[in-house]
Amino acid sequence: MYNKNAQKDPLVAAVTAGLGAGVATSFAVAQGQSPLLALGITAFAAAVAVLCDRLG
């Protein structure tokens, strides 16, 4: 019924992580953080999420 070994779409993991990190970083930008640093944090979070998704 539930296949734990199903292939997951890496795009879904990247978008989900990007949205999640984007919420936190948008708050940080509103508090004065650099927008470029916020984009870097969001990209790093998405890359780590895809990596974790691919490794299991």
PDB file of N, CA and C in Angstrom:
ATOM      1  N   MET A   1       0.828  -1.185   0.000  1.00  0.00           N
ATOM      2  CA  MET A   1       0.000   0.000   0.000  1.00  0.00           C
ATOM      3  C   MET A   1       0.877   1.255   0.000  1.00  0.00           C
ATOM      4  N   TYR A   2       1.919   1.260   0.797  1.00  0.00           N
ATOM      5  CA  TYR A   2       2.807   2.413   0.846  1.00  0.00           C
ATOM      6  C   TYR A   2       4.203   1.948   0.478  1.00  0.00           C
ATOM      7  N   ASN A   3       4.715   2.456  -0.628  1.00  0.00           N
ATOM      8  CA  ASN A   3       6.030   2.059  -1.113  1.00  0.00           C
ATOM      9  C   ASN A   3       7.074   3.060  -0.619  1.00  0.00           C
ATOM     10  N   LYS A   4       7.881   2.647   0.373  1.00  0.00           N
ATOM     11  CA  LYS A   4       8.874   3.552   0.942  1.00  0.00           C
ATOM     12  C   LYS A   4      10.030   3.813  -0.017  1.00  0.00           C
ATOM     13  N   ASN A   5      10.219   2.965  -1.009  1.00  0.00           N
ATOM     14  CA  ASN A   5      11.329   3.111  -1.940  1.00  0.00           C
ATOM     15  C   ASN A   5      10.920   3.819  -3.229  1.00  0.00           C
ATOM     16  N   ALA A   6       9.797   4.451  -3.239  1.00  0.00           N
ATOM     17  CA  ALA A   6       9.333   5.144  -4.439  1.00  0.00           C
ATOM     18  C   ALA A   6      10.270   6.301  -4.770  1.00  0.00           C
ATOM     19  N   GLN A   7      10.505   6.513  -6.041  1.00  0.00           N
ATOM     20  CA  GLN A   7      11.345   7.628  -6.474  1.00  0.00           C
ATOM     21  C   GLN A   7      10.590   8.929  -6.243  1.00  0.00           C
ATOM     22  N   LYS A   8      11.255   9.854  -5.586  1.00  0.00           N
ATOM     23  CA  LYS A   8      10.646  11.153  -5.318  1.00  0.00           C
ATOM     24  C   LYS A   8      11.163  12.153  -6.327  1.00  0.00           C
ATOM     25  N   ASP A   9      10.364  13.117  -6.627  1.00  0.00           N
ATOM     26  CA  ASP A   9      10.745  14.137  -7.584  1.00  0.00           C
ATOM     27  C   ASP A   9      11.626  15.172  -6.893  1.00  0.00           C
ATOM     28  N   PRO A  10      12.868  15.367  -7.363  1.00  0.00           N
ATOM     29  CA  PRO A  10      13.746  16.337  -6.699  1.00  0.00           C
ATOM     30  C   PRO A  10      13.238  17.773  -6.841  1.00  0.00           C
ATOM     31  N   LEU A  11      12.483  18.048  -7.890  1.00  0.00           N
ATOM     32  CA  LEU A  11      11.926  19.388  -8.060  1.00  0.00           C
ATOM     33  C   LEU A  11      10.940  19.711  -6.944  1.00  0.00           C
ATOM     34  N   VAL A  12      10.151  18.731  -6.546  1.00  0.00           N
ATOM     35  CA  VAL A  12       9.191  18.937  -5.454  1.00  0.00           C
ATOM     36  C   VAL A  12       9.934  19.239  -4.162  1.00  0.00           C
ATOM     37  N   ALA A  13      11.022  18.514  -3.906  1.00  0.00           N
ATOM     38  CA  ALA A  13      11.806  18.767  -2.690  1.00  0.00           C
ATOM     39  C   ALA A  13      12.419  20.162  -2.725  1.00  0.00           C
ATOM     40  N   ALA A  14      12.923  20.564  -3.873  1.00  0.00           N
ATOM     41  CA  ALA A  14      13.549  21.884  -3.990  1.00  0.00           C
ATOM     42  C   ALA A  14      12.533  23.005  -3.808  1.00  0.00           C
ATOM     43  N   VAL A  15      11.374  22.853  -4.417  1.00  0.00           N
ATOM     44  CA  VAL A  15      10.339  23.890  -4.299  1.00  0.00           C
ATOM     45  C   VAL A  15       9.828  23.976  -2.861  1.00  0.00           C
ATOM     46  N   THR A  16       9.611  22.831  -2.244  1.00  0.00           N
ATOM     47  CA  THR A  16       9.134  22.819  -0.860  1.00  0.00           C
ATOM     48  C   THR A  16      10.144  23.471   0.080  1.00  0.00           C
ATOM     49  N   ALA A  17      11.410  23.118  -0.082  1.00  0.00           N
ATOM     50  CA  ALA A  17      12.443  23.713   0.762  1.00  0.00           C
ATOM     51  C   ALA A  17      12.597  25.198   0.478  1.00  0.00           C
ATOM     52  N   GLY A  18      12.514  25.562  -0.789  1.00  0.00           N
ATOM     53  CA  GLY A  18      12.631  26.976  -1.141  1.00  0.00           C
ATOM     54  C   GLY A  18      11.511  27.805  -0.551  1.00  0.00           C
ATOM     55  N   LEU A  19      10.305  27.269  -0.580  1.00  0.00           N
ATOM     56  CA  LEU A  19       9.179  27.995   0.012  1.00  0.00           C
ATOM     57  C   LEU A  19       9.324  28.110   1.525  1.00  0.00           C
ATOM     58  N   GLY A  20       9.736  27.020   2.149  1.00  0.00           N
ATOM     59  CA  GLY A  20       9.906  27.042   3.603  1.00  0.00           C
ATOM     60  C   GLY A  20      10.996  28.009   4.035  1.00  0.00           C
ATOM     61  N   ALA A  21      12.137  27.943   3.366  1.00  0.00           N
ATOM     62  CA  ALA A  21      13.234  28.844   3.702  1.00  0.00           C
ATOM     63  C   ALA A  21      12.904  30.269   3.286  1.00  0.00           C
ATOM     64  N   GLY A  22      12.140  30.424   2.228  1.00  0.00           N
ATOM     65  CA  GLY A  22      11.773  31.755   1.753  1.00  0.00           C
ATOM     66  C   GLY A  22      10.934  32.518   2.757  1.00  0.00           C
ATOM     67  N   VAL A  23      10.090  31.810   3.473  1.00  0.00           N
ATOM     68  CA  VAL A  23       9.272  32.461   4.500  1.00  0.00           C
ATOM     69  C   VAL A  23      10.165  33.026   5.597  1.00  0.00           C
ATOM     70  N   ALA A  24      11.108  32.210   6.067  1.00  0.00           N
ATOM     71  CA  ALA A  24      12.002  32.669   7.142  1.00  0.00           C
ATOM     72  C   ALA A  24      12.918  33.784   6.664  1.00  0.00           C
ATOM     73  N   THR A  25      13.462  33.645   5.450  1.00  0.00           N
ATOM     74  CA  THR A  25      14.396  34.659   4.975  1.00  0.00           C
ATOM     75  C   THR A  25      13.686  35.955   4.592  1.00  0.00           C
ATOM     76  N   SER A  26      12.436  35.873   4.169  1.00  0.00           N
ATOM     77  CA  SER A  26      11.713  37.109   3.868  1.00  0.00           C
ATOM     78  C   SER A  26      11.478  37.908   5.153  1.00  0.00           C
ATOM     79  N   PHE A  27      11.253  37.202   6.255  1.00  0.00           N
ATOM     80  CA  PHE A  27      11.136  37.883   7.545  1.00  0.00           C
ATOM     81  C   PHE A  27      12.473  38.525   7.914  1.00  0.00           C
ATOM     82  N   ALA A  28      13.576  37.799   7.664  1.00  0.00           N
ATOM     83  CA  ALA A  28      14.897  38.335   7.983  1.00  0.00           C
ATOM     84  C   ALA A  28      15.203  39.571   7.132  1.00  0.00           C
ATOM     85  N   VAL A  29      14.797  39.568   5.866  1.00  0.00           N
ATOM     86  CA  VAL A  29      15.002  40.732   5.002  1.00  0.00           C
ATOM     87  C   VAL A  29      14.192  41.912   5.521  1.00  0.00           C
ATOM     88  N   ALA A  30      12.990  41.625   5.994  1.00  0.00           N
ATOM     89  CA  ALA A  30      12.160  42.691   6.547  1.00  0.00           C
ATOM     90  C   ALA A  30      12.801  43.302   7.796  1.00  0.00           C
ATOM     91  N   GLN A  31      13.629  42.516   8.488  1.00  0.00           N
ATOM     92  CA  GLN A  31      14.310  43.011   9.687  1.00  0.00           C
ATOM     93  C   GLN A  31      15.652  43.665   9.366  1.00  0.00           C
ATOM     94  N   GLY A  32      16.050  43.655   8.080  1.00  0.00           N
ATOM     95  CA  GLY A  32      17.264  44.360   7.697  1.00  0.00           C
ATOM     96  C   GLY A  32      18.388  43.510   7.126  1.00  0.00           C
ATOM     97  N   GLN A  33      18.175  42.226   6.965  1.00  0.00           N
ATOM     98  CA  GLN A  33      19.207  41.363   6.397  1.00  0.00           C
ATOM     99  C   GLN A  33      19.362  41.635   4.904  1.00  0.00           C
ATOM    100  N   SER A  34      20.534  41.384   4.380  1.00  0.00           N
ATOM    101  CA  SER A  34      20.807  41.570   2.964  1.00  0.00           C
ATOM    102  C   SER A  34      19.961  40.605   2.122  1.00  0.00           C
ATOM    103  N   PRO A  35      19.265  41.102   1.087  1.00  0.00           N
ATOM    104  CA  PRO A  35      18.485  40.213   0.228  1.00  0.00           C
ATOM    105  C   PRO A  35      19.341  39.161  -0.487  1.00  0.00           C
ATOM    106  N   LEU A  36      20.580  39.512  -0.824  1.00  0.00           N
ATOM    107  CA  LEU A  36      21.464  38.554  -1.492  1.00  0.00           C
ATOM    108  C   LEU A  36      21.820  37.403  -0.542  1.00  0.00           C
ATOM    109  N   LEU A  37      22.070  37.709   0.701  1.00  0.00           N
ATOM    110  CA  LEU A  37      22.347  36.678   1.694  1.00  0.00           C
ATOM    111  C   LEU A  37      21.105  35.802   1.903  1.00  0.00           C
ATOM    112  N   ALA A  38      19.936  36.408   1.903  1.00  0.00           N
ATOM    113  CA  ALA A  38      18.698  35.652   2.062  1.00  0.00           C
ATOM    114  C   ALA A  38      18.496  34.682   0.904  1.00  0.00           C
ATOM    115  N   LEU A  39      18.790  35.119  -0.312  1.00  0.00           N
ATOM    116  CA  LEU A  39      18.676  34.220  -1.468  1.00  0.00           C
ATOM    117  C   LEU A  39      19.684  33.079  -1.365  1.00  0.00           C
ATOM    118  N   GLY A  40      20.869  33.364  -0.866  1.00  0.00           N
ATOM    119  CA  GLY A  40      21.866  32.315  -0.674  1.00  0.00           C
ATOM    120  C   GLY A  40      21.423  31.282   0.340  1.00  0.00           C
ATOM    121  N   ILE A  41      20.830  31.741   1.419  1.00  0.00           N
ATOM    122  CA  ILE A  41      20.325  30.822   2.439  1.00  0.00           C
ATOM    123  C   ILE A  41      19.209  29.957   1.864  1.00  0.00           C
ATOM    124  N   THR A  42      18.317  30.555   1.103  1.00  0.00           N
ATOM    125  CA  THR A  42      17.222  29.808   0.487  1.00  0.00           C
ATOM    126  C   THR A  42      17.749  28.765  -0.493  1.00  0.00           C
ATOM    127  N   ALA A  43      18.723  29.137  -1.321  1.00  0.00           N
ATOM    128  CA  ALA A  43      19.300  28.192  -2.289  1.00  0.00           C
ATOM    129  C   ALA A  43      20.020  27.056  -1.562  1.00  0.00           C
ATOM    130  N   PHE A  44      20.755  27.378  -0.496  1.00  0.00           N
ATOM    131  CA  PHE A  44      21.452  26.348   0.266  1.00  0.00           C
ATOM    132  C   PHE A  44      20.457  25.378   0.903  1.00  0.00           C
ATOM    133  N   ALA A  45      19.374  25.895   1.462  1.00  0.00           N
ATOM    134  CA  ALA A  45      18.358  25.040   2.074  1.00  0.00           C
ATOM    135  C   ALA A  45      17.716  24.124   1.036  1.00  0.00           C
ATOM    136  N   ALA A  46      17.462  24.651  -0.142  1.00  0.00           N
ATOM    137  CA  ALA A  46      16.878  23.824  -1.201  1.00  0.00           C
ATOM    138  C   ALA A  46      17.852  22.731  -1.638  1.00  0.00           C
ATOM    139  N   ALA A  47      19.134  23.069  -1.753  1.00  0.00           N
ATOM    140  CA  ALA A  47      20.131  22.073  -2.157  1.00  0.00           C
ATOM    141  C   ALA A  47      20.267  20.966  -1.113  1.00  0.00           C
ATOM    142  N   VAL A  48      20.272  21.336   0.158  1.00  0.00           N
ATOM    143  CA  VAL A  48      20.363  20.336   1.215  1.00  0.00           C
ATOM    144  C   VAL A  48      19.114  19.453   1.224  1.00  0.00           C
ATOM    145  N   ALA A  49      17.955  20.033   1.011  1.00  0.00           N
ATOM    146  CA  ALA A  49      16.725  19.253   0.986  1.00  0.00           C
ATOM    147  C   ALA A  49      16.728  18.247  -0.161  1.00  0.00           C
ATOM    148  N   VAL A  50      17.202  18.662  -1.322  1.00  0.00           N
ATOM    149  CA  VAL A  50      17.274  17.744  -2.467  1.00  0.00           C
ATOM    150  C   VAL A  50      18.273  16.635  -2.172  1.00  0.00           C
ATOM    151  N   LEU A  51      19.406  16.989  -1.578  1.00  0.00           N
ATOM    152  CA  LEU A  51      20.412  15.996  -1.234  1.00  0.00           C
ATOM    153  C   LEU A  51      19.847  14.976  -0.232  1.00  0.00           C
ATOM    154  N   CYS A  52      19.183  15.460   0.797  1.00  0.00           N
ATOM    155  CA  CYS A  52      18.570  14.554   1.788  1.00  0.00           C
ATOM    156  C   CYS A  52      17.484  13.695   1.145  1.00  0.00           C
ATOM    157  N   ASP A  53      16.741  14.261   0.235  1.00  0.00           N
ATOM    158  CA  ASP A  53      15.687  13.522  -0.454  1.00  0.00           C
ATOM    159  C   ASP A  53      16.280  12.406  -1.299  1.00  0.00           C
ATOM    160  N   ARG A  54      17.380  12.676  -1.969  1.00  0.00           N
ATOM    161  CA  ARG A  54      18.001  11.678  -2.839  1.00  0.00           C
ATOM    162  C   ARG A  54      18.684  10.571  -2.033  1.00  0.00           C
ATOM    163  N   LEU A  55      19.216  10.912  -0.856  1.00  0.00           N
ATOM    164  CA  LEU A  55      19.931   9.922  -0.047  1.00  0.00           C
ATOM    165  C   LEU A  55      18.993   9.043   0.776  1.00  0.00           C
ATOM    166  N   GLY A  56      17.772   9.468   0.902  1.00  0.00           N
ATOM    167  CA  GLY A  56      16.850   8.563   1.578  1.00  0.00           C
ATOM    168  C   GLY A  56      16.122   9.174   2.680  1.00  0.00           C
TER     169      GLY A  56
END
